[in-house]
Amino acid sequence: MITKNMQISITDSVLQSIRLPEKRFESELLKELALSLYQQELLSFGKARKLANLEHYEFSKLLGERGINRHYSQQELEEDLNYVRR
């Protein structure tokens, strides 16, 4: 698998306004980005959950907690049904 690193610049004043311990910044921002891109249908469920570094169930649960509806392609529906049947 090929990975590319991406750097995002965020001003100190914005970082200081985020009410999280510094060690959680990256993981929480990745989750928020994944949720937003998924909600806008810019990423599939699988890619968004990978971006968020979450397992299938954890990302599904997070979507539910945020009130974000799942959007299914036929392939995603089949993947979910196969996952449930395991």
N, C-alpha and C. Protein backbone atom coordinates (compact mmCIF):
# COMPACT_ATOMS: atom_id res chain seq x y z
N MET A 1 0.85 -1.18 0.00
CA MET A 1 0.00 0.00 0.00
C MET A 1 0.89 1.24 0.00
N ILE A 2 0.61 2.15 -0.86
CA ILE A 2 1.34 3.41 -0.94
C ILE A 2 0.62 4.43 -0.09
N THR A 3 1.38 5.14 0.72
CA THR A 3 0.79 6.22 1.52
C THR A 3 1.49 7.52 1.20
N LYS A 4 0.75 8.58 1.29
CA LYS A 4 1.30 9.93 1.12
C LYS A 4 1.01 10.70 2.39
N ASN A 5 1.97 11.47 2.79
CA ASN A 5 1.77 12.31 3.97
C ASN A 5 1.28 13.68 3.53
N MET A 6 0.41 14.24 4.33
CA MET A 6 -0.13 15.56 4.04
C MET A 6 -0.02 16.38 5.31
N GLN A 7 0.41 17.58 5.17
CA GLN A 7 0.55 18.46 6.33
C GLN A 7 -0.45 19.58 6.21
N ILE A 8 -1.11 19.88 7.32
CA ILE A 8 -2.08 20.97 7.36
C ILE A 8 -1.61 21.98 8.39
N SER A 9 -1.57 23.23 8.02
CA SER A 9 -1.16 24.28 8.96
C SER A 9 -2.39 24.84 9.66
N ILE A 10 -2.33 24.86 10.98
CA ILE A 10 -3.40 25.41 11.80
C ILE A 10 -2.76 26.40 12.76
N THR A 11 -3.29 27.60 12.79
CA THR A 11 -2.68 28.63 13.64
C THR A 11 -2.76 28.24 15.12
N ASP A 12 -1.83 28.77 15.89
CA ASP A 12 -1.79 28.49 17.33
C ASP A 12 -3.09 28.90 18.01
N SER A 13 -3.67 30.01 17.59
CA SER A 13 -4.89 30.47 18.26
C SER A 13 -6.03 29.48 18.05
N VAL A 14 -6.09 28.89 16.87
CA VAL A 14 -7.12 27.88 16.61
C VAL A 14 -6.83 26.62 17.42
N LEU A 15 -5.59 26.17 17.40
CA LEU A 15 -5.22 24.97 18.17
C LEU A 15 -5.51 25.15 19.65
N GLN A 16 -5.23 26.32 20.17
CA GLN A 16 -5.47 26.58 21.59
C GLN A 16 -6.97 26.58 21.91
N SER A 17 -7.78 26.86 20.90
CA SER A 17 -9.23 26.89 21.10
C SER A 17 -9.85 25.50 21.09
N ILE A 18 -9.11 24.52 20.58
CA ILE A 18 -9.63 23.15 20.56
C ILE A 18 -9.51 22.58 21.96
N ARG A 19 -10.61 22.19 22.52
CA ARG A 19 -10.64 21.75 23.91
C ARG A 19 -10.36 20.26 24.03
N LEU A 20 -9.18 19.89 23.59
CA LEU A 20 -8.72 18.50 23.68
C LEU A 20 -7.28 18.48 24.13
N PRO A 21 -6.87 17.39 24.76
CA PRO A 21 -5.44 17.26 25.05
C PRO A 21 -4.68 17.20 23.72
N GLU A 22 -3.52 17.79 23.69
CA GLU A 22 -2.75 17.88 22.44
C GLU A 22 -2.52 16.52 21.80
N LYS A 23 -2.34 15.48 22.60
CA LYS A 23 -2.07 14.16 22.04
C LYS A 23 -3.26 13.58 21.28
N ARG A 24 -4.46 14.14 21.47
CA ARG A 24 -5.66 13.67 20.76
C ARG A 24 -6.00 14.50 19.53
N PHE A 25 -5.30 15.61 19.30
CA PHE A 25 -5.62 16.49 18.17
C PHE A 25 -5.70 15.71 16.85
N GLU A 26 -4.64 15.02 16.52
CA GLU A 26 -4.57 14.37 15.21
C GLU A 26 -5.68 13.34 15.03
N SER A 27 -5.86 12.47 16.02
CA SER A 27 -6.87 11.42 15.86
C SER A 27 -8.28 12.00 15.76
N GLU A 28 -8.57 13.00 16.57
CA GLU A 28 -9.90 13.61 16.54
C GLU A 28 -10.14 14.39 15.25
N LEU A 29 -9.13 15.10 14.77
CA LEU A 29 -9.29 15.85 13.52
C LEU A 29 -9.46 14.90 12.34
N LEU A 30 -8.76 13.76 12.36
CA LEU A 30 -8.95 12.77 11.30
C LEU A 30 -10.36 12.19 11.32
N LYS A 31 -10.89 11.95 12.51
CA LYS A 31 -12.28 11.47 12.61
C LYS A 31 -13.24 12.50 12.04
N GLU A 32 -13.05 13.76 12.42
CA GLU A 32 -13.95 14.82 11.94
C GLU A 32 -13.87 14.97 10.43
N LEU A 33 -12.66 14.89 9.89
CA LEU A 33 -12.49 14.98 8.44
C LEU A 33 -13.18 13.81 7.76
N ALA A 34 -12.99 12.61 8.29
CA ALA A 34 -13.62 11.43 7.71
C ALA A 34 -15.14 11.53 7.74
N LEU A 35 -15.68 11.96 8.87
CA LEU A 35 -17.14 12.12 8.97
C LEU A 35 -17.66 13.13 7.97
N SER A 36 -16.98 14.25 7.86
CA SER A 36 -17.42 15.30 6.95
C SER A 36 -17.37 14.85 5.49
N LEU A 37 -16.27 14.20 5.11
CA LEU A 37 -16.14 13.74 3.72
C LEU A 37 -17.14 12.64 3.41
N TYR A 38 -17.41 11.78 4.38
CA TYR A 38 -18.41 10.74 4.17
C TYR A 38 -19.80 11.36 4.03
N GLN A 39 -20.13 12.29 4.91
CA GLN A 39 -21.45 12.92 4.88
C GLN A 39 -21.70 13.64 3.55
N GLN A 40 -20.65 14.20 2.99
CA GLN A 40 -20.76 14.90 1.71
C GLN A 40 -20.66 13.95 0.51
N GLU A 41 -20.57 12.66 0.79
CA GLU A 41 -20.43 11.62 -0.23
C GLU A 41 -19.18 11.77 -1.07
N LEU A 42 -18.12 12.29 -0.43
CA LEU A 42 -16.83 12.43 -1.10
C LEU A 42 -15.93 11.23 -0.83
N LEU A 43 -16.25 10.46 0.23
CA LEU A 43 -15.54 9.23 0.54
C LEU A 43 -16.56 8.13 0.81
N SER A 44 -16.22 6.91 0.42
CA SER A 44 -17.06 5.77 0.74
C SER A 44 -16.94 5.47 2.23
N PHE A 45 -17.80 4.61 2.71
CA PHE A 45 -17.76 4.20 4.11
C PHE A 45 -16.40 3.60 4.45
N GLY A 46 -15.94 2.68 3.61
CA GLY A 46 -14.67 1.99 3.86
C GLY A 46 -13.48 2.94 3.91
N LYS A 47 -13.41 3.86 2.97
CA LYS A 47 -12.30 4.81 2.94
C LYS A 47 -12.38 5.79 4.10
N ALA A 48 -13.59 6.22 4.44
CA ALA A 48 -13.75 7.16 5.55
C ALA A 48 -13.36 6.50 6.87
N ARG A 49 -13.75 5.26 7.06
CA ARG A 49 -13.39 4.58 8.32
C ARG A 49 -11.90 4.35 8.41
N LYS A 50 -11.24 4.11 7.26
CA LYS A 50 -9.78 3.97 7.27
C LYS A 50 -9.12 5.30 7.62
N LEU A 51 -9.63 6.39 7.05
CA LEU A 51 -9.09 7.71 7.37
C LEU A 51 -9.24 8.01 8.86
N ALA A 52 -10.35 7.60 9.43
CA ALA A 52 -10.61 7.82 10.85
C ALA A 52 -9.87 6.82 11.74
N ASN A 53 -9.23 5.83 11.13
CA ASN A 53 -8.53 4.78 11.88
C ASN A 53 -9.46 4.03 12.83
N LEU A 54 -10.66 3.72 12.33
CA LEU A 54 -11.65 3.01 13.14
C LEU A 54 -12.05 1.71 12.46
N GLU A 55 -12.47 0.76 13.27
CA GLU A 55 -13.01 -0.48 12.75
C GLU A 55 -14.43 -0.22 12.23
N HIS A 56 -14.95 -1.17 11.48
CA HIS A 56 -16.27 -1.05 10.85
C HIS A 56 -17.34 -0.67 11.88
N TYR A 57 -17.43 -1.43 12.96
CA TYR A 57 -18.44 -1.18 13.98
C TYR A 57 -18.27 0.19 14.62
N GLU A 58 -17.02 0.55 14.94
CA GLU A 58 -16.77 1.83 15.61
C GLU A 58 -17.18 3.02 14.74
N PHE A 59 -16.88 2.94 13.42
CA PHE A 59 -17.26 4.04 12.54
C PHE A 59 -18.77 4.09 12.36
N SER A 60 -19.41 2.92 12.25
CA SER A 60 -20.88 2.89 12.16
C SER A 60 -21.51 3.52 13.39
N LYS A 61 -20.98 3.18 14.55
CA LYS A 61 -21.49 3.74 15.80
C LYS A 61 -21.31 5.25 15.84
N LEU A 62 -20.15 5.73 15.41
CA LEU A 62 -19.88 7.17 15.39
C LEU A 62 -20.84 7.89 14.45
N LEU A 63 -21.12 7.30 13.29
CA LEU A 63 -22.10 7.89 12.37
C LEU A 63 -23.46 8.03 13.06
N GLY A 64 -23.87 6.97 13.75
CA GLY A 64 -25.16 7.00 14.45
C GLY A 64 -25.19 8.06 15.54
N GLU A 65 -24.10 8.16 16.30
CA GLU A 65 -24.03 9.16 17.37
C GLU A 65 -24.14 10.57 16.82
N ARG A 66 -23.61 10.78 15.62
CA ARG A 66 -23.64 12.11 15.01
C ARG A 66 -24.88 12.35 14.17
N GLY A 67 -25.72 11.33 14.03
CA GLY A 67 -26.94 11.48 13.23
C GLY A 67 -26.66 11.55 11.74
N ILE A 68 -25.57 10.95 11.31
CA ILE A 68 -25.21 10.94 9.89
C ILE A 68 -25.76 9.66 9.27
N ASN A 69 -26.61 9.82 8.28
CA ASN A 69 -27.21 8.66 7.62
C ASN A 69 -26.20 7.94 6.76
N ARG A 70 -26.31 6.61 6.76
CA ARG A 70 -25.49 5.80 5.87
C ARG A 70 -26.03 5.95 4.46
N HIS A 71 -25.16 6.08 3.49
CA HIS A 71 -25.57 6.02 2.09
C HIS A 71 -24.88 4.81 1.48
N TYR A 72 -25.67 3.99 0.88
CA TYR A 72 -25.20 2.71 0.39
C TYR A 72 -25.17 2.66 -1.13
N SER A 73 -24.06 2.17 -1.62
CA SER A 73 -24.05 1.69 -3.00
C SER A 73 -24.41 0.21 -2.90
N GLN A 74 -24.70 -0.41 -3.99
CA GLN A 74 -25.00 -1.84 -3.96
C GLN A 74 -23.82 -2.62 -3.39
N GLN A 75 -22.61 -2.23 -3.77
CA GLN A 75 -21.41 -2.92 -3.28
C GLN A 75 -21.27 -2.76 -1.77
N GLU A 76 -21.50 -1.56 -1.25
CA GLU A 76 -21.40 -1.34 0.20
C GLU A 76 -22.45 -2.14 0.96
N LEU A 77 -23.65 -2.21 0.41
CA LEU A 77 -24.70 -3.00 1.05
C LEU A 77 -24.27 -4.46 1.12
N GLU A 78 -23.73 -4.99 0.03
CA GLU A 78 -23.27 -6.37 0.02
C GLU A 78 -22.12 -6.59 1.00
N GLU A 79 -21.20 -5.63 1.09
CA GLU A 79 -20.10 -5.73 2.05
C GLU A 79 -20.62 -5.76 3.48
N ASP A 80 -21.61 -4.90 3.79
CA ASP A 80 -22.17 -4.87 5.13
C ASP A 80 -22.91 -6.17 5.44
N LEU A 81 -23.64 -6.70 4.48
CA LEU A 81 -24.34 -7.95 4.71
C LEU A 81 -23.35 -9.08 4.94
N ASN A 82 -22.27 -9.11 4.18
CA ASN A 82 -21.23 -10.12 4.38
C ASN A 82 -20.57 -9.97 5.75
N TYR A 83 -20.37 -8.74 6.17
CA TYR A 83 -19.76 -8.48 7.48
C TYR A 83 -20.66 -9.01 8.60
N VAL A 84 -21.95 -8.78 8.49
CA VAL A 84 -22.90 -9.22 9.51
C VAL A 84 -23.00 -10.74 9.55
N ARG A 85 -22.85 -11.37 8.41
CA ARG A 85 -22.97 -12.84 8.33
C ARG A 85 -21.76 -13.58 8.88
N ARG A 86 -20.66 -12.89 9.14
CA ARG A 86 -19.46 -13.57 9.65
C ARG A 86 -19.68 -14.22 10.97
